[in-house]
Amino acid sequence: MPSQPSKTLETFPNPHPSSDYVVTISSPEFTCVCPMTGQPDFATITVEYAPGERCVELKALKLYLWSFRDEGHFHEDVTNRILNDLVEATRPRRMTVTGDFNVRGGLHTVVRASYACPDHV
């Protein structure tokens, strides 16, 4: 597996697909760039999901999150983009991605985006 940023989200079969359990992954070193100012934005990205048939591979997730480092994204956009890409890759029962962005300009932003599979609601 490469040790450079990548948009590829690798997965593996859920070892307990009949169990309803939750996985929480936190990345406190997420960075992207403000598309308006070009200044860096720092955040903790937390992914909480109940796996379906597939789980996300952690190193692949790390490299995927790293791929946003030099890209311009609004907080709302990048949080929803991460959710959509993870849902597409893993097809979870449910998932929430939270972007807890560091204070910038005196404002603290938290964006929470969620998905629930209609078959498991």
PDB file of N, CA and C in Angstrom:
ATOM      1  N   MET A   1       0.852  -1.177   0.000  1.00  0.00           N
ATOM      2  CA  MET A   1       0.000   0.000   0.000  1.00  0.00           C
ATOM      3  C   MET A   1       0.900   1.244   0.000  1.00  0.00           C
ATOM      4  N   PRO A   2       0.551   2.266  -0.766  1.00  0.00           N
ATOM      5  CA  PRO A   2       1.400   3.454  -0.842  1.00  0.00           C
ATOM      6  C   PRO A   2       1.413   4.239   0.470  1.00  0.00           C
ATOM      7  N   SER A   3       2.483   5.002   0.667  1.00  0.00           N
ATOM      8  CA  SER A   3       2.562   5.880   1.836  1.00  0.00           C
ATOM      9  C   SER A   3       2.474   7.323   1.395  1.00  0.00           C
ATOM     10  N   GLN A   4       1.536   7.586   0.533  1.00  0.00           N
ATOM     11  CA  GLN A   4       1.270   8.932   0.062  1.00  0.00           C
ATOM     12  C   GLN A   4      -0.233   9.110  -0.016  1.00  0.00           C
ATOM     13  N   PRO A   5      -0.715  10.341  -0.099  1.00  0.00           N
ATOM     14  CA  PRO A   5      -2.163  10.553  -0.139  1.00  0.00           C
ATOM     15  C   PRO A   5      -2.828   9.744  -1.244  1.00  0.00           C
ATOM     16  N   SER A   6      -4.046   9.286  -0.982  1.00  0.00           N
ATOM     17  CA  SER A   6      -4.768   8.471  -1.952  1.00  0.00           C
ATOM     18  C   SER A   6      -6.267   8.651  -1.761  1.00  0.00           C
ATOM     19  N   LYS A   7      -7.001   8.675  -2.855  1.00  0.00           N
ATOM     20  CA  LYS A   7      -8.466   8.754  -2.778  1.00  0.00           C
ATOM     21  C   LYS A   7      -9.102   7.365  -2.728  1.00  0.00           C
ATOM     22  N   THR A   8      -8.277   6.312  -2.718  1.00  0.00           N
ATOM     23  CA  THR A   8      -8.791   4.943  -2.699  1.00  0.00           C
ATOM     24  C   THR A   8      -9.117   4.522  -1.270  1.00  0.00           C
ATOM     25  N   LEU A   9     -10.353   4.118  -1.057  1.00  0.00           N
ATOM     26  CA  LEU A   9     -10.782   3.604   0.243  1.00  0.00           C
ATOM     27  C   LEU A   9     -10.888   2.088   0.151  1.00  0.00           C
ATOM     28  N   GLU A  10      -9.916   1.405   0.717  1.00  0.00           N
ATOM     29  CA  GLU A  10      -9.945  -0.049   0.708  1.00  0.00           C
ATOM     30  C   GLU A  10     -10.821  -0.544   1.852  1.00  0.00           C
ATOM     31  N   THR A  11     -11.435  -1.692   1.632  1.00  0.00           N
ATOM     32  CA  THR A  11     -12.313  -2.287   2.634  1.00  0.00           C
ATOM     33  C   THR A  11     -11.961  -3.758   2.805  1.00  0.00           C
ATOM     34  N   PHE A  12     -12.550  -4.369   3.825  1.00  0.00           N
ATOM     35  CA  PHE A  12     -12.411  -5.812   4.039  1.00  0.00           C
ATOM     36  C   PHE A  12     -13.752  -6.337   4.544  1.00  0.00           C
ATOM     37  N   PRO A  13     -13.994  -7.648   4.380  1.00  0.00           N
ATOM     38  CA  PRO A  13     -15.270  -8.212   4.825  1.00  0.00           C
ATOM     39  C   PRO A  13     -15.456  -8.056   6.335  1.00  0.00           C
ATOM     40  N   ASN A  14     -16.645  -7.660   6.723  1.00  0.00           N
ATOM     41  CA  ASN A  14     -16.998  -7.540   8.135  1.00  0.00           C
ATOM     42  C   ASN A  14     -16.909  -8.932   8.760  1.00  0.00           C
ATOM     43  N   PRO A  15     -16.077  -9.119   9.795  1.00  0.00           N
ATOM     44  CA  PRO A  15     -15.956 -10.440  10.404  1.00  0.00           C
ATOM     45  C   PRO A  15     -17.192 -10.870  11.199  1.00  0.00           C
ATOM     46  N   HIS A  16     -18.098  -9.923  11.478  1.00  0.00           N
ATOM     47  CA  HIS A  16     -19.327 -10.228  12.231  1.00  0.00           C
ATOM     48  C   HIS A  16     -20.518  -9.520  11.590  1.00  0.00           C
ATOM     49  N   PRO A  17     -20.871  -9.872  10.348  1.00  0.00           N
ATOM     50  CA  PRO A  17     -21.921  -9.135   9.638  1.00  0.00           C
ATOM     51  C   PRO A  17     -23.312  -9.259  10.257  1.00  0.00           C
ATOM     52  N   SER A  18     -23.547 -10.269  11.065  1.00  0.00           N
ATOM     53  CA  SER A  18     -24.878 -10.401  11.676  1.00  0.00           C
ATOM     54  C   SER A  18     -24.985  -9.639  12.991  1.00  0.00           C
ATOM     55  N   SER A  19     -23.862  -9.127  13.498  1.00  0.00           N
ATOM     56  CA  SER A  19     -23.870  -8.354  14.753  1.00  0.00           C
ATOM     57  C   SER A  19     -24.076  -6.873  14.460  1.00  0.00           C
ATOM     58  N   ASP A  20     -24.859  -6.226  15.311  1.00  0.00           N
ATOM     59  CA  ASP A  20     -25.060  -4.789  15.203  1.00  0.00           C
ATOM     60  C   ASP A  20     -24.131  -4.124  16.206  1.00  0.00           C
ATOM     61  N   TYR A  21     -22.952  -3.707  15.736  1.00  0.00           N
ATOM     62  CA  TYR A  21     -21.962  -3.072  16.595  1.00  0.00           C
ATOM     63  C   TYR A  21     -21.492  -1.779  15.943  1.00  0.00           C
ATOM     64  N   VAL A  22     -20.788  -0.939  16.706  1.00  0.00           N
ATOM     65  CA  VAL A  22     -20.367   0.375  16.227  1.00  0.00           C
ATOM     66  C   VAL A  22     -18.849   0.480  16.274  1.00  0.00           C
ATOM     67  N   VAL A  23     -18.287   1.040  15.221  1.00  0.00           N
ATOM     68  CA  VAL A  23     -16.856   1.324  15.128  1.00  0.00           C
ATOM     69  C   VAL A  23     -16.703   2.842  15.143  1.00  0.00           C
ATOM     70  N   THR A  24     -15.800   3.358  15.986  1.00  0.00           N
ATOM     71  CA  THR A  24     -15.514   4.785  16.036  1.00  0.00           C
ATOM     72  C   THR A  24     -14.043   4.988  15.723  1.00  0.00           C
ATOM     73  N   ILE A  25     -13.770   5.843  14.741  1.00  0.00           N
ATOM     74  CA  ILE A  25     -12.412   6.148  14.313  1.00  0.00           C
ATOM     75  C   ILE A  25     -12.258   7.662  14.383  1.00  0.00           C
ATOM     76  N   SER A  26     -11.173   8.118  14.997  1.00  0.00           N
ATOM     77  CA  SER A  26     -10.942   9.548  15.135  1.00  0.00           C
ATOM     78  C   SER A  26      -9.586   9.901  14.537  1.00  0.00           C
ATOM     79  N   SER A  27      -9.560  10.970  13.756  1.00  0.00           N
ATOM     80  CA  SER A  27      -8.324  11.467  13.155  1.00  0.00           C
ATOM     81  C   SER A  27      -8.144  12.929  13.567  1.00  0.00           C
ATOM     82  N   PRO A  28      -7.294  13.188  14.579  1.00  0.00           N
ATOM     83  CA  PRO A  28      -7.154  14.554  15.099  1.00  0.00           C
ATOM     84  C   PRO A  28      -6.224  15.455  14.288  1.00  0.00           C
ATOM     85  N   GLU A  29      -5.679  14.959  13.176  1.00  0.00           N
ATOM     86  CA  GLU A  29      -4.714  15.736  12.405  1.00  0.00           C
ATOM     87  C   GLU A  29      -5.189  16.047  10.993  1.00  0.00           C
ATOM     88  N   PHE A  30      -6.489  16.126  10.778  1.00  0.00           N
ATOM     89  CA  PHE A  30      -7.024  16.405   9.447  1.00  0.00           C
ATOM     90  C   PHE A  30      -6.734  17.849   9.053  1.00  0.00           C
ATOM     91  N   THR A  31      -6.333  18.037   7.805  1.00  0.00           N
ATOM     92  CA  THR A  31      -6.140  19.390   7.284  1.00  0.00           C
ATOM     93  C   THR A  31      -6.685  19.487   5.875  1.00  0.00           C
ATOM     94  N   CYS A  32      -7.199  20.648   5.562  1.00  0.00           N
ATOM     95  CA  CYS A  32      -7.567  21.033   4.202  1.00  0.00           C
ATOM     96  C   CYS A  32      -7.305  22.537   4.115  1.00  0.00           C
ATOM     97  N   VAL A  33      -7.698  23.135   3.019  1.00  0.00           N
ATOM     98  CA  VAL A  33      -7.423  24.553   2.801  1.00  0.00           C
ATOM     99  C   VAL A  33      -8.746  25.280   2.598  1.00  0.00           C
ATOM    100  N   CYS A  34      -8.889  26.454   3.197  1.00  0.00           N
ATOM    101  CA  CYS A  34     -10.076  27.277   2.978  1.00  0.00           C
ATOM    102  C   CYS A  34     -10.084  27.742   1.521  1.00  0.00           C
ATOM    103  N   PRO A  35     -11.162  27.486   0.778  1.00  0.00           N
ATOM    104  CA  PRO A  35     -11.199  27.899  -0.625  1.00  0.00           C
ATOM    105  C   PRO A  35     -11.305  29.412  -0.815  1.00  0.00           C
ATOM    106  N   MET A  36     -11.662  30.134   0.234  1.00  0.00           N
ATOM    107  CA  MET A  36     -11.780  31.586   0.137  1.00  0.00           C
ATOM    108  C   MET A  36     -10.455  32.288   0.414  1.00  0.00           C
ATOM    109  N   THR A  37      -9.743  31.820   1.437  1.00  0.00           N
ATOM    110  CA  THR A  37      -8.536  32.529   1.878  1.00  0.00           C
ATOM    111  C   THR A  37      -7.241  31.809   1.541  1.00  0.00           C
ATOM    112  N   GLY A  38      -7.329  30.509   1.264  1.00  0.00           N
ATOM    113  CA  GLY A  38      -6.128  29.722   1.034  1.00  0.00           C
ATOM    114  C   GLY A  38      -5.411  29.335   2.316  1.00  0.00           C
ATOM    115  N   GLN A  39      -5.987  29.717   3.461  1.00  0.00           N
ATOM    116  CA  GLN A  39      -5.383  29.393   4.755  1.00  0.00           C
ATOM    117  C   GLN A  39      -5.728  27.947   5.139  1.00  0.00           C
ATOM    118  N   PRO A  40      -4.849  27.287   5.883  1.00  0.00           N
ATOM    119  CA  PRO A  40      -5.131  25.907   6.290  1.00  0.00           C
ATOM    120  C   PRO A  40      -6.245  25.848   7.331  1.00  0.00           C
ATOM    121  N   ASP A  41      -7.038  24.806   7.238  1.00  0.00           N
ATOM    122  CA  ASP A  41      -8.055  24.489   8.238  1.00  0.00           C
ATOM    123  C   ASP A  41      -7.651  23.177   8.885  1.00  0.00           C
ATOM    124  N   PHE A  42      -7.739  23.117  10.200  1.00  0.00           N
ATOM    125  CA  PHE A  42      -7.378  21.924  10.948  1.00  0.00           C
ATOM    126  C   PHE A  42      -8.631  21.403  11.648  1.00  0.00           C
ATOM    127  N   ALA A  43      -8.756  20.083  11.717  1.00  0.00           N
ATOM    128  CA  ALA A  43      -9.952  19.507  12.323  1.00  0.00           C
ATOM    129  C   ALA A  43      -9.660  18.125  12.878  1.00  0.00           C
ATOM    130  N   THR A  44     -10.548  17.700  13.755  1.00  0.00           N
ATOM    131  CA  THR A  44     -10.622  16.294  14.134  1.00  0.00           C
ATOM    132  C   THR A  44     -11.807  15.720  13.368  1.00  0.00           C
ATOM    133  N   ILE A  45     -11.543  14.704  12.575  1.00  0.00           N
ATOM    134  CA  ILE A  45     -12.605  14.010  11.844  1.00  0.00           C
ATOM    135  C   ILE A  45     -12.898  12.721  12.605  1.00  0.00           C
ATOM    136  N   THR A  46     -14.160  12.527  12.962  1.00  0.00           N
ATOM    137  CA  THR A  46     -14.581  11.308  13.642  1.00  0.00           C
ATOM    138  C   THR A  46     -15.596  10.588  12.775  1.00  0.00           C
ATOM    139  N   VAL A  47     -15.340   9.310  12.552  1.00  0.00           N
ATOM    140  CA  VAL A  47     -16.240   8.451  11.785  1.00  0.00           C
ATOM    141  C   VAL A  47     -16.804   7.431  12.757  1.00  0.00           C
ATOM    142  N   GLU A  48     -18.118   7.376  12.835  1.00  0.00           N
ATOM    143  CA  GLU A  48     -18.777   6.380  13.678  1.00  0.00           C
ATOM    144  C   GLU A  48     -19.753   5.624  12.781  1.00  0.00           C
ATOM    145  N   TYR A  49     -19.586   4.283  12.708  1.00  0.00           N
ATOM    146  CA  TYR A  49     -20.458   3.535  11.821  1.00  0.00           C
ATOM    147  C   TYR A  49     -20.760   2.138  12.332  1.00  0.00           C
ATOM    148  N   ALA A  50     -21.916   1.649  11.930  1.00  0.00           N
ATOM    149  CA  ALA A  50     -22.317   0.270  12.163  1.00  0.00           C
ATOM    150  C   ALA A  50     -22.102  -0.453  10.837  1.00  0.00           C
ATOM    151  N   PRO A  51     -21.096  -1.316  10.774  1.00  0.00           N
ATOM    152  CA  PRO A  51     -20.776  -1.948   9.497  1.00  0.00           C
ATOM    153  C   PRO A  51     -21.893  -2.841   8.983  1.00  0.00           C
ATOM    154  N   GLY A  52     -21.968  -2.883   7.665  1.00  0.00           N
ATOM    155  CA  GLY A  52     -22.811  -3.860   6.982  1.00  0.00           C
ATOM    156  C   GLY A  52     -21.923  -5.037   6.613  1.00  0.00           C
ATOM    157  N   GLU A  53     -21.750  -5.255   5.327  1.00  0.00           N
ATOM    158  CA  GLU A  53     -20.917  -6.359   4.860  1.00  0.00           C
ATOM    159  C   GLU A  53     -19.433  -6.017   4.811  1.00  0.00           C
ATOM    160  N   ARG A  54     -19.072  -4.710   4.807  1.00  0.00           N
ATOM    161  CA  ARG A  54     -17.667  -4.312   4.644  1.00  0.00           C
ATOM    162  C   ARG A  54     -17.260  -3.317   5.724  1.00  0.00           C
ATOM    163  N   CYS A  55     -15.981  -3.346   6.076  1.00  0.00           N
ATOM    164  CA  CYS A  55     -15.380  -2.387   7.001  1.00  0.00           C
ATOM    165  C   CYS A  55     -14.294  -1.623   6.257  1.00  0.00           C
ATOM    166  N   VAL A  56     -14.009  -0.405   6.682  1.00  0.00           N
ATOM    167  CA  VAL A  56     -12.954   0.387   6.049  1.00  0.00           C
ATOM    168  C   VAL A  56     -11.609   0.002   6.659  1.00  0.00           C
ATOM    169  N   GLU A  57     -10.606  -0.124   5.795  1.00  0.00           N
ATOM    170  CA  GLU A  57      -9.250  -0.454   6.229  1.00  0.00           C
ATOM    171  C   GLU A  57      -8.598   0.828   6.743  1.00  0.00           C
ATOM    172  N   LEU A  58      -7.991   0.780   7.922  1.00  0.00           N
ATOM    173  CA  LEU A  58      -7.556   1.994   8.609  1.00  0.00           C
ATOM    174  C   LEU A  58      -6.436   2.751   7.899  1.00  0.00           C
ATOM    175  N   LYS A  59      -5.425   2.061   7.376  1.00  0.00           N
ATOM    176  CA  LYS A  59      -4.354   2.792   6.697  1.00  0.00           C
ATOM    177  C   LYS A  59      -4.891   3.469   5.442  1.00  0.00           C
ATOM    178  N   ALA A  60      -5.785   2.797   4.728  1.00  0.00           N
ATOM    179  CA  ALA A  60      -6.393   3.403   3.547  1.00  0.00           C
ATOM    180  C   ALA A  60      -7.190   4.646   3.932  1.00  0.00           C
ATOM    181  N   LEU A  61      -7.902   4.585   5.065  1.00  0.00           N
ATOM    182  CA  LEU A  61      -8.652   5.752   5.534  1.00  0.00           C
ATOM    183  C   LEU A  61      -7.698   6.894   5.876  1.00  0.00           C
ATOM    184  N   LYS A  62      -6.606   6.582   6.530  1.00  0.00           N
ATOM    185  CA  LYS A  62      -5.611   7.602   6.870  1.00  0.00           C
ATOM    186  C   LYS A  62      -5.085   8.291   5.608  1.00  0.00           C
ATOM    187  N   LEU A  63      -4.729   7.510   4.588  1.00  0.00           N
ATOM    188  CA  LEU A  63      -4.203   8.079   3.346  1.00  0.00           C
ATOM    189  C   LEU A  63      -5.278   8.858   2.597  1.00  0.00           C
ATOM    190  N   TYR A  64      -6.523   8.399   2.683  1.00  0.00           N
ATOM    191  CA  TYR A  64      -7.649   9.114   2.072  1.00  0.00           C
ATOM    192  C   TYR A  64      -7.830  10.486   2.738  1.00  0.00           C
ATOM    193  N   LEU A  65      -7.847  10.512   4.073  1.00  0.00           N
ATOM    194  CA  LEU A  65      -8.006  11.789   4.772  1.00  0.00           C
ATOM    195  C   LEU A  65      -6.829  12.714   4.475  1.00  0.00           C
ATOM    196  N   TRP A  66      -5.657  12.166   4.361  1.00  0.00           N
ATOM    197  CA  TRP A  66      -4.453  12.920   4.041  1.00  0.00           C
ATOM    198  C   TRP A  66      -4.574  13.578   2.664  1.00  0.00           C
ATOM    199  N   SER A  67      -5.326  12.972   1.761  1.00  0.00           N
ATOM    200  CA  SER A  67      -5.441  13.477   0.383  1.00  0.00           C
ATOM    201  C   SER A  67      -6.126  14.841   0.299  1.00  0.00           C
ATOM    202  N   PHE A  68      -6.795  15.260   1.364  1.00  0.00           N
ATOM    203  CA  PHE A  68      -7.476  16.557   1.367  1.00  0.00           C
ATOM    204  C   PHE A  68      -6.544  17.708   1.768  1.00  0.00           C
ATOM    205  N   ARG A  69      -5.345  17.387   2.196  1.00  0.00           N
ATOM    206  CA  ARG A  69      -4.417  18.346   2.787  1.00  0.00           C
ATOM    207  C   ARG A  69      -4.230  19.620   1.960  1.00  0.00           C
ATOM    208  N   ASP A  70      -4.073  19.503   0.660  1.00  0.00           N
ATOM    209  CA  ASP A  70      -3.802  20.673  -0.182  1.00  0.00           C
ATOM    210  C   ASP A  70      -5.005  21.092  -1.023  1.00  0.00           C
ATOM    211  N   GLU A  71      -6.168  20.538  -0.719  1.00  0.00           N
ATOM    212  CA  GLU A  71      -7.370  20.850  -1.494  1.00  0.00           C
ATOM    213  C   GLU A  71      -8.212  21.907  -0.772  1.00  0.00           C
ATOM    214  N   GLY A  72      -8.876  22.747  -1.539  1.00  0.00           N
ATOM    215  CA  GLY A  72      -9.766  23.757  -0.979  1.00  0.00           C
ATOM    216  C   GLY A  72     -11.171  23.216  -0.799  1.00  0.00           C
ATOM    217  N   HIS A  73     -11.669  23.237   0.441  1.00  0.00           N
ATOM    218  CA  HIS A  73     -13.019  22.746   0.749  1.00  0.00           C
ATOM    219  C   HIS A  73     -13.620  23.563   1.874  1.00  0.00           C
ATOM    220  N   PHE A  74     -14.894  23.882   1.741  1.00  0.00           N
ATOM    221  CA  PHE A  74     -15.631  24.420   2.875  1.00  0.00           C
ATOM    222  C   PHE A  74     -15.861  23.286   3.865  1.00  0.00           C
ATOM    223  N   HIS A  75     -16.010  23.601   5.136  1.00  0.00           N
ATOM    224  CA  HIS A  75     -16.191  22.589   6.178  1.00  0.00           C
ATOM    225  C   HIS A  75     -17.379  21.677   5.867  1.00  0.00           C
ATOM    226  N   GLU A  76     -18.478  22.281   5.444  1.00  0.00           N
ATOM    227  CA  GLU A  76     -19.686  21.517   5.145  1.00  0.00           C
ATOM    228  C   GLU A  76     -19.461  20.544   3.995  1.00  0.00           C
ATOM    229  N   ASP A  77     -18.719  21.012   2.984  1.00  0.00           N
ATOM    230  CA  ASP A  77     -18.459  20.182   1.805  1.00  0.00           C
ATOM    231  C   ASP A  77     -17.572  19.000   2.146  1.00  0.00           C
ATOM    232  N   VAL A  78     -16.470  19.242   2.810  1.00  0.00           N
ATOM    233  CA  VAL A  78     -15.518  18.161   3.044  1.00  0.00           C
ATOM    234  C   VAL A  78     -16.104  17.102   3.978  1.00  0.00           C
ATOM    235  N   THR A  79     -16.871  17.502   4.966  1.00  0.00           N
ATOM    236  CA  THR A  79     -17.484  16.535   5.877  1.00  0.00           C
ATOM    237  C   THR A  79     -18.471  15.645   5.135  1.00  0.00           C
ATOM    238  N   ASN A  80     -19.317  16.245   4.303  1.00  0.00           N
ATOM    239  CA  ASN A  80     -20.282  15.463   3.531  1.00  0.00           C
ATOM    240  C   ASN A  80     -19.597  14.611   2.467  1.00  0.00           C
ATOM    241  N   ARG A  81     -18.536  15.103   1.877  1.00  0.00           N
ATOM    242  CA  ARG A  81     -17.798  14.333   0.869  1.00  0.00           C
ATOM    243  C   ARG A  81     -17.190  13.082   1.497  1.00  0.00           C
ATOM    244  N   ILE A  82     -16.602  13.233   2.685  1.00  0.00           N
ATOM    245  CA  ILE A  82     -16.037  12.081   3.386  1.00  0.00           C
ATOM    246  C   ILE A  82     -17.138  11.067   3.680  1.00  0.00           C
ATOM    247  N   LEU A  83     -18.269  11.533   4.198  1.00  0.00           N
ATOM    248  CA  LEU A  83     -19.395  10.631   4.460  1.00  0.00           C
ATOM    249  C   LEU A  83     -19.812   9.903   3.189  1.00  0.00           C
ATOM    250  N   ASN A  84     -20.038  10.627   2.105  1.00  0.00           N
ATOM    251  CA  ASN A  84     -20.514  10.002   0.868  1.00  0.00           C
ATOM    252  C   ASN A  84     -19.533   8.968   0.334  1.00  0.00           C
ATOM    253  N   ASP A  85     -18.239   9.291   0.376  1.00  0.00           N
ATOM    254  CA  ASP A  85     -17.237   8.342  -0.117  1.00  0.00           C
ATOM    255  C   ASP A  85     -17.168   7.092   0.749  1.00  0.00           C
ATOM    256  N   LEU A  86     -17.257   7.269   2.072  1.00  0.00           N
ATOM    257  CA  LEU A  86     -17.228   6.115   2.967  1.00  0.00           C
ATOM    258  C   LEU A  86     -18.479   5.252   2.830  1.00  0.00           C
ATOM    259  N   VAL A  87     -19.633   5.876   2.675  1.00  0.00           N
ATOM    260  CA  VAL A  87     -20.872   5.121   2.482  1.00  0.00           C
ATOM    261  C   VAL A  87     -20.787   4.313   1.188  1.00  0.00           C
ATOM    262  N   GLU A  88     -20.292   4.935   0.131  1.00  0.00           N
ATOM    263  CA  GLU A  88     -20.161   4.227  -1.141  1.00  0.00           C
ATOM    264  C   GLU A  88     -19.217   3.027  -1.021  1.00  0.00           C
ATOM    265  N   ALA A  89     -18.126   3.189  -0.291  1.00  0.00           N
ATOM    266  CA  ALA A  89     -17.130   2.128  -0.175  1.00  0.00           C
ATOM    267  C   ALA A  89     -17.566   0.992   0.753  1.00  0.00           C
ATOM    268  N   THR A  90     -18.282   1.324   1.834  1.00  0.00           N
ATOM    269  CA  THR A  90     -18.564   0.316   2.857  1.00  0.00           C
ATOM    270  C   THR A  90     -20.018  -0.144   2.925  1.00  0.00           C
ATOM    271  N   ARG A  91     -20.954   0.649   2.437  1.00  0.00           N
ATOM    272  CA  ARG A  91     -22.390   0.327   2.541  1.00  0.00           C
ATOM    273  C   ARG A  91     -22.784  -0.041   3.973  1.00  0.00           C
ATOM    274  N   PRO A  92     -22.591   0.901   4.917  1.00  0.00           N
ATOM    275  CA  PRO A  92     -22.857   0.597   6.326  1.00  0.00           C
ATOM    276  C   PRO A  92     -24.348   0.563   6.644  1.00  0.00           C
ATOM    277  N   ARG A  93     -24.671   0.061   7.813  1.00  0.00           N
ATOM    278  CA  ARG A  93     -26.048   0.132   8.308  1.00  0.00           C
ATOM    279  C   ARG A  93     -26.389   1.585   8.619  1.00  0.00           C
ATOM    280  N   ARG A  94     -25.421   2.253   9.251  1.00  0.00           N
ATOM    281  CA  ARG A  94     -25.555   3.687   9.534  1.00  0.00           C
ATOM    282  C   ARG A  94     -24.157   4.255   9.753  1.00  0.00           C
ATOM    283  N   MET A  95     -24.031   5.551   9.522  1.00  0.00           N
ATOM    284  CA  MET A  95     -22.731   6.195   9.656  1.00  0.00           C
ATOM    285  C   MET A  95     -22.923   7.671   9.946  1.00  0.00           C
ATOM    286  N   THR A  96     -22.057   8.211  10.798  1.00  0.00           N
ATOM    287  CA  THR A  96     -21.997   9.648  11.044  1.00  0.00           C
ATOM    288  C   THR A  96     -20.536  10.074  10.949  1.00  0.00           C
ATOM    289  N   VAL A  97     -20.301  11.151  10.208  1.00  0.00           N
ATOM    290  CA  VAL A  97     -18.978  11.764  10.130  1.00  0.00           C
ATOM    291  C   VAL A  97     -19.097  13.139  10.762  1.00  0.00           C
ATOM    292  N   THR A  98     -18.198  13.408  11.709  1.00  0.00           N
ATOM    293  CA  THR A  98     -18.177  14.705  12.380  1.00  0.00           C
ATOM    294  C   THR A  98     -16.853  15.387  12.081  1.00  0.00           C
ATOM    295  N   GLY A  99     -16.938  16.615  11.590  1.00  0.00           N
ATOM    296  CA  GLY A  99     -15.767  17.457  11.408  1.00  0.00           C
ATOM    297  C   GLY A  99     -15.780  18.529  12.482  1.00  0.00           C
ATOM    298  N   ASP A 100     -14.856  18.433  13.413  1.00  0.00           N
ATOM    299  CA  ASP A 100     -14.747  19.401  14.511  1.00  0.00           C
ATOM    300  C   ASP A 100     -13.534  20.284  14.184  1.00  0.00           C
ATOM    301  N   PHE A 101     -13.808  21.434  13.573  1.00  0.00           N
ATOM    302  CA  PHE A 101     -12.760  22.302  13.037  1.00  0.00           C
ATOM    303  C   PHE A 101     -12.244  23.248  14.109  1.00  0.00           C
ATOM    304  N   ASN A 102     -10.937  23.451  14.101  1.00  0.00           N
ATOM    305  CA  ASN A 102     -10.314  24.369  15.060  1.00  0.00           C
ATOM    306  C   ASN A 102     -10.843  25.785  14.854  1.00  0.00           C
ATOM    307  N   VAL A 103     -10.769  26.556  15.918  1.00  0.00           N
ATOM    308  CA  VAL A 103     -11.207  27.945  15.868  1.00  0.00           C
ATOM    309  C   VAL A 103     -10.374  28.702  14.837  1.00  0.00           C
ATOM    310  N   ARG A 104     -11.078  29.458  13.992  1.00  0.00           N
ATOM    311  CA  ARG A 104     -10.409  30.336  13.036  1.00  0.00           C
ATOM    312  C   ARG A 104     -11.263  31.578  12.908  1.00  0.00           C
ATOM    313  N   GLY A 105     -10.650  32.730  13.044  1.00  0.00           N
ATOM    314  CA  GLY A 105     -11.396  33.982  12.989  1.00  0.00           C
ATOM    315  C   GLY A 105     -12.383  34.125  14.132  1.00  0.00           C
ATOM    316  N   GLY A 106     -12.086  33.464  15.251  1.00  0.00           N
ATOM    317  CA  GLY A 106     -12.955  33.555  16.415  1.00  0.00           C
ATOM    318  C   GLY A 106     -14.176  32.647  16.347  1.00  0.00           C
ATOM    319  N   LEU A 107     -14.264  31.802  15.324  1.00  0.00           N
ATOM    320  CA  LEU A 107     -15.430  30.922  15.165  1.00  0.00           C
ATOM    321  C   LEU A 107     -15.019  29.456  15.219  1.00  0.00           C
ATOM    322  N   HIS A 108     -15.801  28.677  15.946  1.00  0.00           N
ATOM    323  CA  HIS A 108     -15.592  27.234  16.049  1.00  0.00           C
ATOM    324  C   HIS A 108     -16.721  26.557  15.287  1.00  0.00           C
ATOM    325  N   THR A 109     -16.360  25.679  14.359  1.00  0.00           N
ATOM    326  CA  THR A 109     -17.359  25.014  13.521  1.00  0.00           C
ATOM    327  C   THR A 109     -17.320  23.515  13.740  1.00  0.00           C
ATOM    328  N   VAL A 110     -18.505  22.915  13.939  1.00  0.00           N
ATOM    329  CA  VAL A 110     -18.655  21.463  13.986  1.00  0.00           C
ATOM    330  C   VAL A 110     -19.714  21.101  12.956  1.00  0.00           C
ATOM    331  N   VAL A 111     -19.344  20.216  12.035  1.00  0.00           N
ATOM    332  CA  VAL A 111     -20.281  19.746  11.004  1.00  0.00           C
ATOM    333  C   VAL A 111     -20.485  18.259  11.221  1.00  0.00           C
ATOM    334  N   ARG A 112     -21.744  17.835  11.294  1.00  0.00           N
ATOM    335  CA  ARG A 112     -22.081  16.427  11.490  1.00  0.00           C
ATOM    336  C   ARG A 112     -22.992  16.003  10.353  1.00  0.00           C
ATOM    337  N   ALA A 113     -22.560  14.982   9.610  1.00  0.00           N
ATOM    338  CA  ALA A 113     -23.348  14.456   8.490  1.00  0.00           C
ATOM    339  C   ALA A 113     -23.620  12.983   8.750  1.00  0.00           C
ATOM    340  N   SER A 114     -24.864  12.550   8.504  1.00  0.00           N
ATOM    341  CA  SER A 114     -25.261  11.179   8.828  1.00  0.00           C
ATOM    342  C   SER A 114     -25.931  10.482   7.659  1.00  0.00           C
ATOM    343  N   TYR A 115     -25.848   9.152   7.724  1.00  0.00           N
ATOM    344  CA  TYR A 115     -26.484   8.278   6.738  1.00  0.00           C
ATOM    345  C   TYR A 115     -27.094   7.107   7.484  1.00  0.00           C
ATOM    346  N   ALA A 116     -28.263   6.657   7.047  1.00  0.00           N
ATOM    347  CA  ALA A 116     -28.881   5.441   7.567  1.00  0.00           C
ATOM    348  C   ALA A 116     -29.388   4.628   6.391  1.00  0.00           C
ATOM    349  N   CYS A 117     -28.965   3.373   6.328  1.00  0.00           N
ATOM    350  CA  CYS A 117     -29.418   2.487   5.259  1.00  0.00           C
ATOM    351  C   CYS A 117     -30.908   2.232   5.432  1.00  0.00           C
ATOM    352  N   PRO A 118     -31.699   2.422   4.385  1.00  0.00           N
ATOM    353  CA  PRO A 118     -33.148   2.212   4.516  1.00  0.00           C
ATOM    354  C   PRO A 118     -33.520   0.801   4.945  1.00  0.00           C
ATOM    355  N   ASP A 119     -32.668  -0.176   4.640  1.00  0.00           N
ATOM    356  CA  ASP A 119     -32.963  -1.573   4.993  1.00  0.00           C
ATOM    357  C   ASP A 119     -32.722  -1.867   6.470  1.00  0.00           C
ATOM    358  N   HIS A 120     -32.030  -0.964   7.181  1.00  0.00           N
ATOM    359  CA  HIS A 120     -31.682  -1.214   8.574  1.00  0.00           C
ATOM    360  C   HIS A 120     -32.211  -0.133   9.513  1.00  0.00           C
ATOM    361  N   VAL A 121     -33.180   0.639   9.100  1.00  0.00           N
ATOM    362  CA  VAL A 121     -33.706   1.717   9.952  1.00  0.00           C
ATOM    363  C   VAL A 121     -34.654   1.145  10.984  1.00  0.00           C
TER     364      VAL A 121
END
